[in-house]
């Protein structure tokens, strides 16, 4: 199977409320709302979609790999997001922190340590 792009879908109960939270996370409004109940942010590595689905809301897990976790989290806090520190003691391979959106979906921000093989 040849894969051209990966889309990560996050189920949310209230699309409007979720969009506000993810606008702070990503530092910008959604790139597209291609249909009712769907908003998406596009990046170099793929697409993150919010999908209005009350039944599944709160069970999604998404990992966002960034070049510098501390800088990304500082920028998030400066935009009004949560102020959190990355965990740099649990893993010899990555530095990370997990945030939760209003529905309880887990969004992990991860940085691969320099020289680590992944």
PDB file of N, CA and C in Angstrom:
ATOM      1  N   UNK A   1       0.850  -1.178   0.000  1.00  0.00           N
ATOM      2  CA  UNK A   1       0.000   0.000   0.000  1.00  0.00           C
ATOM      3  C   UNK A   1       0.892   1.237   0.000  1.00  0.00           C
ATOM      4  N   UNK A   2       0.676   2.117  -0.936  1.00  0.00           N
ATOM      5  CA  UNK A   2       1.396   3.382  -0.988  1.00  0.00           C
ATOM      6  C   UNK A   2       0.544   4.445  -0.306  1.00  0.00           C
ATOM      7  N   UNK A   3       1.085   5.070   0.727  1.00  0.00           N
ATOM      8  CA  UNK A   3       0.349   6.081   1.485  1.00  0.00           C
ATOM      9  C   UNK A   3       0.875   7.454   1.102  1.00  0.00           C
ATOM     10  N   UNK A   4      -0.018   8.336   0.705  1.00  0.00           N
ATOM     11  CA  UNK A   4       0.380   9.676   0.310  1.00  0.00           C
ATOM     12  C   UNK A   4       0.305  10.677   1.454  1.00  0.00           C
ATOM     13  N   UNK A   5      -0.619  10.497   2.375  1.00  0.00           N
ATOM     14  CA  UNK A   5      -0.794  11.429   3.486  1.00  0.00           C
ATOM     15  C   UNK A   5      -1.585  10.735   4.577  1.00  0.00           C
ATOM     16  N   UNK A   6      -1.356  11.115   5.814  1.00  0.00           N
ATOM     17  CA  UNK A   6      -2.112  10.571   6.928  1.00  0.00           C
ATOM     18  C   UNK A   6      -3.003  11.674   7.486  1.00  0.00           C
ATOM     19  N   UNK A   7      -4.250  11.335   7.748  1.00  0.00           N
ATOM     20  CA  UNK A   7      -5.190  12.248   8.367  1.00  0.00           C
ATOM     21  C   UNK A   7      -5.537  11.690   9.738  1.00  0.00           C
ATOM     22  N   UNK A   8      -5.305  12.467  10.768  1.00  0.00           N
ATOM     23  CA  UNK A   8      -5.658  12.064  12.122  1.00  0.00           C
ATOM     24  C   UNK A   8      -6.991  12.706  12.468  1.00  0.00           C
ATOM     25  N   UNK A   9      -7.979  11.901  12.794  1.00  0.00           N
ATOM     26  CA  UNK A   9      -9.312  12.413  13.130  1.00  0.00           C
ATOM     27  C   UNK A   9      -9.501  12.385  14.644  1.00  0.00           C
ATOM     28  N   UNK A  10      -9.974  13.496  15.181  1.00  0.00           N
ATOM     29  CA  UNK A  10     -10.230  13.636  16.604  1.00  0.00           C
ATOM     30  C   UNK A  10     -11.723  13.856  16.781  1.00  0.00           C
ATOM     31  N   UNK A  11     -12.389  12.943  17.467  1.00  0.00           N
ATOM     32  CA  UNK A  11     -13.825  13.053  17.692  1.00  0.00           C
ATOM     33  C   UNK A  11     -14.092  14.045  18.819  1.00  0.00           C
ATOM     34  N   UNK A  12     -14.990  14.988  18.562  1.00  0.00           N
ATOM     35  CA  UNK A  12     -15.343  16.017  19.541  1.00  0.00           C
ATOM     36  C   UNK A  12     -16.854  16.112  19.673  1.00  0.00           C
ATOM     37  N   UNK A  13     -17.312  16.540  20.834  1.00  0.00           N
ATOM     38  CA  UNK A  13     -18.753  16.643  21.064  1.00  0.00           C
ATOM     39  C   UNK A  13     -19.329  17.970  20.587  1.00  0.00           C
ATOM     40  N   UNK A  14     -18.538  19.031  20.637  1.00  0.00           N
ATOM     41  CA  UNK A  14     -18.993  20.368  20.257  1.00  0.00           C
ATOM     42  C   UNK A  14     -17.930  20.963  19.339  1.00  0.00           C
ATOM     43  N   UNK A  15     -18.194  20.962  18.045  1.00  0.00           N
ATOM     44  CA  UNK A  15     -17.190  21.400  17.077  1.00  0.00           C
ATOM     45  C   UNK A  15     -16.780  22.853  17.309  1.00  0.00           C
ATOM     46  N   UNK A  16     -17.713  23.725  17.609  1.00  0.00           N
ATOM     47  CA  UNK A  16     -17.385  25.132  17.835  1.00  0.00           C
ATOM     48  C   UNK A  16     -16.437  25.324  19.002  1.00  0.00           C
ATOM     49  N   UNK A  17     -16.736  24.686  20.112  1.00  0.00           N
ATOM     50  CA  UNK A  17     -15.886  24.774  21.304  1.00  0.00           C
ATOM     51  C   UNK A  17     -14.516  24.156  21.028  1.00  0.00           C
ATOM     52  N   UNK A  18     -14.495  23.018  20.349  1.00  0.00           N
ATOM     53  CA  UNK A  18     -13.240  22.346  20.035  1.00  0.00           C
ATOM     54  C   UNK A  18     -12.390  23.184  19.093  1.00  0.00           C
ATOM     55  N   UNK A  19     -13.012  23.813  18.102  1.00  0.00           N
ATOM     56  CA  UNK A  19     -12.253  24.648  17.173  1.00  0.00           C
ATOM     57  C   UNK A  19     -11.539  25.771  17.919  1.00  0.00           C
ATOM     58  N   UNK A  20     -12.186  26.366  18.894  1.00  0.00           N
ATOM     59  CA  UNK A  20     -11.543  27.427  19.679  1.00  0.00           C
ATOM     60  C   UNK A  20     -10.293  26.908  20.371  1.00  0.00           C
ATOM     61  N   UNK A  21     -10.389  25.714  20.976  1.00  0.00           N
ATOM     62  CA  UNK A  21      -9.242  25.134  21.685  1.00  0.00           C
ATOM     63  C   UNK A  21      -8.107  24.808  20.712  1.00  0.00           C
ATOM     64  N   UNK A  22      -8.439  24.216  19.575  1.00  0.00           N
ATOM     65  CA  UNK A  22      -7.411  23.828  18.604  1.00  0.00           C
ATOM     66  C   UNK A  22      -6.824  25.037  17.881  1.00  0.00           C
ATOM     67  N   UNK A  23      -7.576  26.124  17.767  1.00  0.00           N
ATOM     68  CA  UNK A  23      -7.017  27.357  17.208  1.00  0.00           C
ATOM     69  C   UNK A  23      -5.904  27.881  18.104  1.00  0.00           C
ATOM     70  N   UNK A  24      -6.073  27.759  19.415  1.00  0.00           N
ATOM     71  CA  UNK A  24      -5.011  28.147  20.345  1.00  0.00           C
ATOM     72  C   UNK A  24      -3.843  27.167  20.222  1.00  0.00           C
ATOM     73  N   UNK A  25      -4.136  25.879  20.180  1.00  0.00           N
ATOM     74  CA  UNK A  25      -3.073  24.875  20.065  1.00  0.00           C
ATOM     75  C   UNK A  25      -2.214  25.120  18.825  1.00  0.00           C
ATOM     76  N   UNK A  26      -2.856  25.278  17.670  1.00  0.00           N
ATOM     77  CA  UNK A  26      -2.119  25.425  16.417  1.00  0.00           C
ATOM     78  C   UNK A  26      -1.730  26.869  16.103  1.00  0.00           C
ATOM     79  N   UNK A  27      -2.270  27.819  16.848  1.00  0.00           N
ATOM     80  CA  UNK A  27      -1.917  29.213  16.634  1.00  0.00           C
ATOM     81  C   UNK A  27      -2.559  29.840  15.409  1.00  0.00           C
ATOM     82  N   UNK A  28      -3.652  29.250  14.930  1.00  0.00           N
ATOM     83  CA  UNK A  28      -4.335  29.772  13.750  1.00  0.00           C
ATOM     84  C   UNK A  28      -5.684  29.090  13.588  1.00  0.00           C
ATOM     85  N   UNK A  29      -6.570  29.708  12.812  1.00  0.00           N
ATOM     86  CA  UNK A  29      -7.860  29.070  12.542  1.00  0.00           C
ATOM     87  C   UNK A  29      -7.684  27.824  11.683  1.00  0.00           C
ATOM     88  N   UNK A  30      -8.716  27.035  11.590  1.00  0.00           N
ATOM     89  CA  UNK A  30      -8.693  25.843  10.731  1.00  0.00           C
ATOM     90  C   UNK A  30      -8.395  26.259   9.297  1.00  0.00           C
ATOM     91  N   UNK A  31      -7.677  25.398   8.585  1.00  0.00           N
ATOM     92  CA  UNK A  31      -7.370  25.656   7.179  1.00  0.00           C
ATOM     93  C   UNK A  31      -8.580  25.426   6.292  1.00  0.00           C
ATOM     94  N   UNK A  32      -9.444  24.525   6.699  1.00  0.00           N
ATOM     95  CA  UNK A  32     -10.611  24.207   5.878  1.00  0.00           C
ATOM     96  C   UNK A  32     -11.712  23.610   6.733  1.00  0.00           C
ATOM     97  N   UNK A  33     -12.925  23.785   6.270  1.00  0.00           N
ATOM     98  CA  UNK A  33     -14.099  23.115   6.825  1.00  0.00           C
ATOM     99  C   UNK A  33     -14.832  22.542   5.625  1.00  0.00           C
ATOM    100  N   UNK A  34     -14.335  21.398   5.114  1.00  0.00           N
ATOM    101  CA  UNK A  34     -14.820  20.867   3.841  1.00  0.00           C
ATOM    102  C   UNK A  34     -16.263  20.373   3.842  1.00  0.00           C
ATOM    103  N   UNK A  35     -16.830  20.150   5.010  1.00  0.00           N
ATOM    104  CA  UNK A  35     -18.235  19.743   5.096  1.00  0.00           C
ATOM    105  C   UNK A  35     -18.727  20.006   6.513  1.00  0.00           C
ATOM    106  N   UNK A  36     -20.013  19.944   6.700  1.00  0.00           N
ATOM    107  CA  UNK A  36     -20.586  20.158   8.029  1.00  0.00           C
ATOM    108  C   UNK A  36     -20.015  19.142   9.005  1.00  0.00           C
ATOM    109  N   UNK A  37     -19.654  19.606  10.194  1.00  0.00           N
ATOM    110  CA  UNK A  37     -19.161  18.708  11.233  1.00  0.00           C
ATOM    111  C   UNK A  37     -17.697  18.352  11.105  1.00  0.00           C
ATOM    112  N   UNK A  38     -16.926  19.075  10.281  1.00  0.00           N
ATOM    113  CA  UNK A  38     -15.521  18.743  10.047  1.00  0.00           C
ATOM    114  C   UNK A  38     -14.691  20.016   9.899  1.00  0.00           C
ATOM    115  N   UNK A  39     -13.593  20.092  10.632  1.00  0.00           N
ATOM    116  CA  UNK A  39     -12.625  21.183  10.494  1.00  0.00           C
ATOM    117  C   UNK A  39     -11.250  20.556  10.450  1.00  0.00           C
ATOM    118  N   UNK A  40     -10.345  21.146   9.660  1.00  0.00           N
ATOM    119  CA  UNK A  40      -9.023  20.531   9.567  1.00  0.00           C
ATOM    120  C   UNK A  40      -7.914  21.561   9.507  1.00  0.00           C
ATOM    121  N   UNK A  41      -6.773  21.130  10.078  1.00  0.00           N
ATOM    122  CA  UNK A  41      -5.541  21.891  10.060  1.00  0.00           C
ATOM    123  C   UNK A  41      -4.522  21.077   9.276  1.00  0.00           C
ATOM    124  N   UNK A  42      -3.887  21.707   8.310  1.00  0.00           N
ATOM    125  CA  UNK A  42      -2.896  21.022   7.481  1.00  0.00           C
ATOM    126  C   UNK A  42      -1.507  21.446   7.904  1.00  0.00           C
ATOM    127  N   UNK A  43      -0.601  20.471   7.899  1.00  0.00           N
ATOM    128  CA  UNK A  43       0.793  20.735   8.226  1.00  0.00           C
ATOM    129  C   UNK A  43       1.694  19.928   7.332  1.00  0.00           C
ATOM    130  N   UNK A  44       2.988  20.091   7.521  1.00  0.00           N
ATOM    131  CA  UNK A  44       3.967  19.413   6.672  1.00  0.00           C
ATOM    132  C   UNK A  44       3.829  17.896   6.726  1.00  0.00           C
ATOM    133  N   UNK A  45       3.427  17.371   7.874  1.00  0.00           N
ATOM    134  CA  UNK A  45       3.388  15.925   8.032  1.00  0.00           C
ATOM    135  C   UNK A  45       2.033  15.281   7.850  1.00  0.00           C
ATOM    136  N   UNK A  46       0.991  16.060   7.630  1.00  0.00           N
ATOM    137  CA  UNK A  46      -0.326  15.456   7.485  1.00  0.00           C
ATOM    138  C   UNK A  46      -1.425  16.434   7.832  1.00  0.00           C
ATOM    139  N   UNK A  47      -2.561  15.883   8.200  1.00  0.00           N
ATOM    140  CA  UNK A  47      -3.743  16.691   8.480  1.00  0.00           C
ATOM    141  C   UNK A  47      -4.358  16.229   9.803  1.00  0.00           C
ATOM    142  N   UNK A  48      -4.741  17.191  10.643  1.00  0.00           N
ATOM    143  CA  UNK A  48      -5.495  16.898  11.856  1.00  0.00           C
ATOM    144  C   UNK A  48      -6.916  17.378  11.610  1.00  0.00           C
ATOM    145  N   UNK A  49      -7.864  16.473  11.755  1.00  0.00           N
ATOM    146  CA  UNK A  49      -9.268  16.801  11.539  1.00  0.00           C
ATOM    147  C   UNK A  49     -10.032  16.714  12.855  1.00  0.00           C
ATOM    148  N   UNK A  50     -10.927  17.664  13.061  1.00  0.00           N
ATOM    149  CA  UNK A  50     -11.900  17.569  14.142  1.00  0.00           C
ATOM    150  C   UNK A  50     -13.193  17.091  13.517  1.00  0.00           C
ATOM    151  N   UNK A  51     -13.764  16.051  14.096  1.00  0.00           N
ATOM    152  CA  UNK A  51     -14.990  15.465  13.580  1.00  0.00           C
ATOM    153  C   UNK A  51     -16.043  15.512  14.676  1.00  0.00           C
ATOM    154  N   UNK A  52     -17.167  16.145  14.407  1.00  0.00           N
ATOM    155  CA  UNK A  52     -18.263  16.195  15.376  1.00  0.00           C
ATOM    156  C   UNK A  52     -18.863  14.802  15.497  1.00  0.00           C
ATOM    157  N   UNK A  53     -18.645  14.180  16.660  1.00  0.00           N
ATOM    158  CA  UNK A  53     -19.133  12.811  16.890  1.00  0.00           C
ATOM    159  C   UNK A  53     -19.241  12.614  18.401  1.00  0.00           C
ATOM    160  N   UNK A  54     -20.391  12.968  18.965  1.00  0.00           N
ATOM    161  CA  UNK A  54     -20.584  12.899  20.419  1.00  0.00           C
ATOM    162  C   UNK A  54     -20.322  11.503  20.983  1.00  0.00           C
ATOM    163  N   UNK A  55     -20.676  10.481  20.252  1.00  0.00           N
ATOM    164  CA  UNK A  55     -20.534   9.104  20.743  1.00  0.00           C
ATOM    165  C   UNK A  55     -19.060   8.721  20.928  1.00  0.00           C
ATOM    166  N   UNK A  56     -18.208   9.177  20.060  1.00  0.00           N
ATOM    167  CA  UNK A  56     -16.785   8.812  20.121  1.00  0.00           C
ATOM    168  C   UNK A  56     -15.914   9.863  20.807  1.00  0.00           C
ATOM    169  N   UNK A  57     -16.449  11.024  21.101  1.00  0.00           N
ATOM    170  CA  UNK A  57     -15.667  12.133  21.655  1.00  0.00           C
ATOM    171  C   UNK A  57     -14.943  11.722  22.927  1.00  0.00           C
ATOM    172  N   UNK A  58     -13.708  12.150  23.032  1.00  0.00           N
ATOM    173  CA  UNK A  58     -12.912  11.914  24.236  1.00  0.00           C
ATOM    174  C   UNK A  58     -12.009  10.703  24.179  1.00  0.00           C
ATOM    175  N   UNK A  59     -12.079   9.914  23.132  1.00  0.00           N
ATOM    176  CA  UNK A  59     -11.261   8.703  23.057  1.00  0.00           C
ATOM    177  C   UNK A  59     -10.120   8.769  22.061  1.00  0.00           C
ATOM    178  N   UNK A  60      -9.897   9.947  21.483  1.00  0.00           N
ATOM    179  CA  UNK A  60      -8.859  10.056  20.457  1.00  0.00           C
ATOM    180  C   UNK A  60      -7.482  10.287  21.071  1.00  0.00           C
ATOM    181  N   UNK A  61      -6.471   9.775  20.390  1.00  0.00           N
ATOM    182  CA  UNK A  61      -5.070   9.964  20.772  1.00  0.00           C
ATOM    183  C   UNK A  61      -4.314  10.450  19.550  1.00  0.00           C
ATOM    184  N   UNK A  62      -3.643  11.587  19.660  1.00  0.00           N
ATOM    185  CA  UNK A  62      -2.872  12.130  18.545  1.00  0.00           C
ATOM    186  C   UNK A  62      -1.525  12.590  19.075  1.00  0.00           C
ATOM    187  N   UNK A  63      -0.473  12.312  18.320  1.00  0.00           N
ATOM    188  CA  UNK A  63       0.863  12.772  18.680  1.00  0.00           C
ATOM    189  C   UNK A  63       1.346  13.747  17.619  1.00  0.00           C
ATOM    190  N   UNK A  64       1.818  14.900  18.070  1.00  0.00           N
ATOM    191  CA  UNK A  64       2.359  15.926  17.189  1.00  0.00           C
ATOM    192  C   UNK A  64       3.861  16.009  17.438  1.00  0.00           C
ATOM    193  N   UNK A  65       4.668  15.630  16.465  1.00  0.00           N
ATOM    194  CA  UNK A  65       6.123  15.709  16.618  1.00  0.00           C
ATOM    195  C   UNK A  65       6.581  17.102  16.222  1.00  0.00           C
ATOM    196  N   UNK A  66       7.339  17.729  17.109  1.00  0.00           N
ATOM    197  CA  UNK A  66       7.837  19.087  16.890  1.00  0.00           C
ATOM    198  C   UNK A  66       9.363  19.092  17.032  1.00  0.00           C
ATOM    199  N   UNK A  67      10.045  20.077  16.445  1.00  0.00           N
ATOM    200  CA  UNK A  67      11.497  20.116  16.565  1.00  0.00           C
ATOM    201  C   UNK A  67      11.986  20.501  17.964  1.00  0.00           C
ATOM    202  N   UNK A  68      11.187  21.297  18.688  1.00  0.00           N
ATOM    203  CA  UNK A  68      11.596  21.775  20.013  1.00  0.00           C
ATOM    204  C   UNK A  68      10.348  21.835  20.908  1.00  0.00           C
ATOM    205  N   UNK A  69      10.179  20.839  21.760  1.00  0.00           N
ATOM    206  CA  UNK A  69       8.980  20.744  22.595  1.00  0.00           C
ATOM    207  C   UNK A  69       8.855  21.925  23.544  1.00  0.00           C
ATOM    208  N   UNK A  70       9.939  22.298  24.170  1.00  0.00           N
ATOM    209  CA  UNK A  70       9.870  23.406  25.132  1.00  0.00           C
ATOM    210  C   UNK A  70       9.421  24.695  24.438  1.00  0.00           C
ATOM    211  N   UNK A  71       9.993  24.980  23.279  1.00  0.00           N
ATOM    212  CA  UNK A  71       9.604  26.184  22.545  1.00  0.00           C
ATOM    213  C   UNK A  71       8.130  26.108  22.126  1.00  0.00           C
ATOM    214  N   UNK A  72       7.699  24.958  21.626  1.00  0.00           N
ATOM    215  CA  UNK A  72       6.306  24.793  21.203  1.00  0.00           C
ATOM    216  C   UNK A  72       5.350  25.018  22.370  1.00  0.00           C
ATOM    217  N   UNK A  73       5.691  24.487  23.533  1.00  0.00           N
ATOM    218  CA  UNK A  73       4.821  24.634  24.701  1.00  0.00           C
ATOM    219  C   UNK A  73       4.840  26.062  25.241  1.00  0.00           C
ATOM    220  N   UNK A  74       6.000  26.731  25.171  1.00  0.00           N
ATOM    221  CA  UNK A  74       6.067  28.140  25.571  1.00  0.00           C
ATOM    222  C   UNK A  74       5.203  29.002  24.654  1.00  0.00           C
ATOM    223  N   UNK A  75       5.254  28.723  23.342  1.00  0.00           N
ATOM    224  CA  UNK A  75       4.436  29.466  22.385  1.00  0.00           C
ATOM    225  C   UNK A  75       2.946  29.225  22.645  1.00  0.00           C
ATOM    226  N   UNK A  76       2.592  27.982  22.963  1.00  0.00           N
ATOM    227  CA  UNK A  76       1.206  27.651  23.280  1.00  0.00           C
ATOM    228  C   UNK A  76       0.736  28.451  24.497  1.00  0.00           C
ATOM    229  N   UNK A  77       1.532  28.492  25.551  1.00  0.00           N
ATOM    230  CA  UNK A  77       1.171  29.243  26.759  1.00  0.00           C
ATOM    231  C   UNK A  77       1.030  30.727  26.446  1.00  0.00           C
ATOM    232  N   UNK A  78       1.898  31.264  25.585  1.00  0.00           N
ATOM    233  CA  UNK A  78       1.836  32.680  25.220  1.00  0.00           C
ATOM    234  C   UNK A  78       0.555  33.007  24.453  1.00  0.00           C
ATOM    235  N   UNK A  79      -0.028  32.016  23.786  1.00  0.00           N
ATOM    236  CA  UNK A  79      -1.291  32.214  23.051  1.00  0.00           C
ATOM    237  C   UNK A  79      -2.510  32.005  23.942  1.00  0.00           C
ATOM    238  N   UNK A  80      -2.286  31.720  25.219  1.00  0.00           N
ATOM    239  CA  UNK A  80      -3.405  31.525  26.132  1.00  0.00           C
ATOM    240  C   UNK A  80      -3.716  30.078  26.423  1.00  0.00           C
ATOM    241  N   UNK A  81      -2.896  29.168  25.923  1.00  0.00           N
ATOM    242  CA  UNK A  81      -3.073  27.750  26.203  1.00  0.00           C
ATOM    243  C   UNK A  81      -2.514  27.393  27.567  1.00  0.00           C
ATOM    244  N   UNK A  82      -2.576  26.121  27.916  1.00  0.00           N
ATOM    245  CA  UNK A  82      -2.063  25.705  29.218  1.00  0.00           C
ATOM    246  C   UNK A  82      -0.552  25.899  29.316  1.00  0.00           C
ATOM    247  N   UNK A  83      -0.102  26.189  30.503  1.00  0.00           N
ATOM    248  CA  UNK A  83       1.331  26.323  30.767  1.00  0.00           C
ATOM    249  C   UNK A  83       1.817  24.996  31.341  1.00  0.00           C
ATOM    250  N   UNK A  84       2.558  24.246  30.548  1.00  0.00           N
ATOM    251  CA  UNK A  84       3.039  22.928  30.959  1.00  0.00           C
ATOM    252  C   UNK A  84       4.507  22.777  30.608  1.00  0.00           C
ATOM    253  N   UNK A  85       5.167  21.927  31.349  1.00  0.00           N
ATOM    254  CA  UNK A  85       6.570  21.620  31.092  1.00  0.00           C
ATOM    255  C   UNK A  85       6.673  20.272  30.401  1.00  0.00           C
ATOM    256  N   UNK A  86       7.597  20.132  29.467  1.00  0.00           N
ATOM    257  CA  UNK A  86       7.787  18.818  28.848  1.00  0.00           C
ATOM    258  C   UNK A  86       8.455  17.856  29.827  1.00  0.00           C
ATOM    259  N   UNK A  87       8.156  16.592  29.690  1.00  0.00           N
ATOM    260  CA  UNK A  87       8.762  15.531  30.494  1.00  0.00           C
ATOM    261  C   UNK A  87      10.062  15.120  29.801  1.00  0.00           C
ATOM    262  N   UNK A  88      11.173  15.421  30.433  1.00  0.00           N
ATOM    263  CA  UNK A  88      12.458  15.050  29.839  1.00  0.00           C
ATOM    264  C   UNK A  88      13.191  13.992  30.660  1.00  0.00           C
ATOM    265  N   UNK A  89      12.456  13.303  31.530  1.00  0.00           N
ATOM    266  CA  UNK A  89      13.097  12.272  32.360  1.00  0.00           C
ATOM    267  C   UNK A  89      12.589  10.858  32.100  1.00  0.00           C
ATOM    268  N   UNK A  90      11.408  10.707  31.534  1.00  0.00           N
ATOM    269  CA  UNK A  90      10.804   9.390  31.378  1.00  0.00           C
ATOM    270  C   UNK A  90      11.442   8.575  30.263  1.00  0.00           C
ATOM    271  N   UNK A  91      11.873   9.236  29.189  1.00  0.00           N
ATOM    272  CA  UNK A  91      12.372   8.533  28.011  1.00  0.00           C
ATOM    273  C   UNK A  91      13.742   9.041  27.599  1.00  0.00           C
ATOM    274  N   UNK A  92      14.595   8.122  27.175  1.00  0.00           N
ATOM    275  CA  UNK A  92      15.897   8.502  26.617  1.00  0.00           C
ATOM    276  C   UNK A  92      15.777   8.873  25.144  1.00  0.00           C
ATOM    277  N   UNK A  93      14.615   8.648  24.557  1.00  0.00           N
ATOM    278  CA  UNK A  93      14.435   8.862  23.124  1.00  0.00           C
ATOM    279  C   UNK A  93      13.658  10.135  22.818  1.00  0.00           C
ATOM    280  N   UNK A  94      12.670  10.455  23.640  1.00  0.00           N
ATOM    281  CA  UNK A  94      11.840  11.634  23.375  1.00  0.00           C
ATOM    282  C   UNK A  94      11.646  12.493  24.614  1.00  0.00           C
ATOM    283  N   UNK A  95      11.299  13.748  24.360  1.00  0.00           N
ATOM    284  CA  UNK A  95      10.831  14.704  25.357  1.00  0.00           C
ATOM    285  C   UNK A  95       9.377  14.955  24.975  1.00  0.00           C
ATOM    286  N   UNK A  96       8.456  14.921  25.940  1.00  0.00           N
ATOM    287  CA  UNK A  96       7.046  15.004  25.570  1.00  0.00           C
ATOM    288  C   UNK A  96       6.194  15.559  26.695  1.00  0.00           C
ATOM    289  N   UNK A  97       4.975  15.906  26.318  1.00  0.00           N
ATOM    290  CA  UNK A  97       3.924  16.212  27.285  1.00  0.00           C
ATOM    291  C   UNK A  97       2.593  15.890  26.624  1.00  0.00           C
ATOM    292  N   UNK A  98       1.627  15.531  27.428  1.00  0.00           N
ATOM    293  CA  UNK A  98       0.305  15.232  26.891  1.00  0.00           C
ATOM    294  C   UNK A  98      -0.691  16.251  27.419  1.00  0.00           C
ATOM    295  N   UNK A  99      -1.400  16.854  26.494  1.00  0.00           N
ATOM    296  CA  UNK A  99      -2.459  17.816  26.799  1.00  0.00           C
ATOM    297  C   UNK A  99      -3.797  17.129  26.586  1.00  0.00           C
ATOM    298  N   UNK A 100      -4.831  17.643  27.200  1.00  0.00           N
ATOM    299  CA  UNK A 100      -6.165  17.120  26.929  1.00  0.00           C
ATOM    300  C   UNK A 100      -7.053  18.266  26.467  1.00  0.00           C
ATOM    301  N   UNK A 101      -7.827  17.986  25.427  1.00  0.00           N
ATOM    302  CA  UNK A 101      -8.750  18.993  24.902  1.00  0.00           C
ATOM    303  C   UNK A 101     -10.022  18.996  25.756  1.00  0.00           C
ATOM    304  N   UNK A 102     -10.984  19.849  25.464  1.00  0.00           N
ATOM    305  CA  UNK A 102     -12.193  19.929  26.295  1.00  0.00           C
ATOM    306  C   UNK A 102     -12.971  18.617  26.426  1.00  0.00           C
ATOM    307  N   UNK A 103     -12.839  17.700  25.464  1.00  0.00           N
ATOM    308  CA  UNK A 103     -13.527  16.409  25.540  1.00  0.00           C
ATOM    309  C   UNK A 103     -12.701  15.333  26.237  1.00  0.00           C
ATOM    310  N   UNK A 104     -11.431  15.625  26.516  1.00  0.00           N
ATOM    311  CA  UNK A 104     -10.556  14.628  27.125  1.00  0.00           C
ATOM    312  C   UNK A 104      -9.703  13.864  26.132  1.00  0.00           C
ATOM    313  N   UNK A 105      -9.723  14.249  24.851  1.00  0.00           N
ATOM    314  CA  UNK A 105      -8.833  13.640  23.877  1.00  0.00           C
ATOM    315  C   UNK A 105      -7.388  13.965  24.250  1.00  0.00           C
ATOM    316  N   UNK A 106      -6.497  13.007  24.073  1.00  0.00           N
ATOM    317  CA  UNK A 106      -5.093  13.188  24.437  1.00  0.00           C
ATOM    318  C   UNK A 106      -4.293  13.655  23.227  1.00  0.00           C
ATOM    319  N   UNK A 107      -3.647  14.811  23.377  1.00  0.00           N
ATOM    320  CA  UNK A 107      -2.799  15.374  22.334  1.00  0.00           C
ATOM    321  C   UNK A 107      -1.390  15.426  22.918  1.00  0.00           C
ATOM    322  N   UNK A 108      -0.511  14.579  22.409  1.00  0.00           N
ATOM    323  CA  UNK A 108       0.856  14.525  22.908  1.00  0.00           C
ATOM    324  C   UNK A 108       1.763  15.324  21.987  1.00  0.00           C
ATOM    325  N   UNK A 109       2.535  16.205  22.587  1.00  0.00           N
ATOM    326  CA  UNK A 109       3.538  16.976  21.865  1.00  0.00           C
ATOM    327  C   UNK A 109       4.877  16.313  22.176  1.00  0.00           C
ATOM    328  N   UNK A 110       5.594  15.889  21.131  1.00  0.00           N
ATOM    329  CA  UNK A 110       6.812  15.117  21.325  1.00  0.00           C
ATOM    330  C   UNK A 110       7.959  15.648  20.484  1.00  0.00           C
ATOM    331  N   UNK A 111       9.134  15.614  21.078  1.00  0.00           N
ATOM    332  CA  UNK A 111      10.372  15.986  20.405  1.00  0.00           C
ATOM    333  C   UNK A 111      11.319  14.808  20.502  1.00  0.00           C
ATOM    334  N   UNK A 112      11.843  14.355  19.393  1.00  0.00           N
ATOM    335  CA  UNK A 112      12.832  13.285  19.405  1.00  0.00           C
ATOM    336  C   UNK A 112      14.160  13.883  19.834  1.00  0.00           C
ATOM    337  N   UNK A 113      14.808  13.235  20.801  1.00  0.00           N
ATOM    338  CA  UNK A 113      16.089  13.731  21.292  1.00  0.00           C
ATOM    339  C   UNK A 113      17.138  13.649  20.191  1.00  0.00           C
ATOM    340  N   UNK A 114      18.036  14.615  20.187  1.00  0.00           N
ATOM    341  CA  UNK A 114      19.113  14.621  19.206  1.00  0.00           C
ATOM    342  C   UNK A 114      19.921  13.331  19.301  1.00  0.00           C
ATOM    343  N   UNK A 115      20.120  12.698  18.170  1.00  0.00           N
ATOM    344  CA  UNK A 115      20.901  11.466  18.128  1.00  0.00           C
ATOM    345  C   UNK A 115      20.108  10.209  18.424  1.00  0.00           C
ATOM    346  N   UNK A 116      18.845  10.351  18.831  1.00  0.00           N
ATOM    347  CA  UNK A 116      18.031   9.168  19.142  1.00  0.00           C
ATOM    348  C   UNK A 116      17.571   8.513  17.847  1.00  0.00           C
ATOM    349  N   UNK A 117      17.571   7.205  17.856  1.00  0.00           N
ATOM    350  CA  UNK A 117      17.099   6.459  16.687  1.00  0.00           C
ATOM    351  C   UNK A 117      15.630   6.134  16.872  1.00  0.00           C
ATOM    352  N   UNK A 118      14.826   6.561  15.920  1.00  0.00           N
ATOM    353  CA  UNK A 118      13.389   6.236  15.967  1.00  0.00           C
ATOM    354  C   UNK A 118      12.959   5.591  14.670  1.00  0.00           C
TER     355      UNK A 118
END
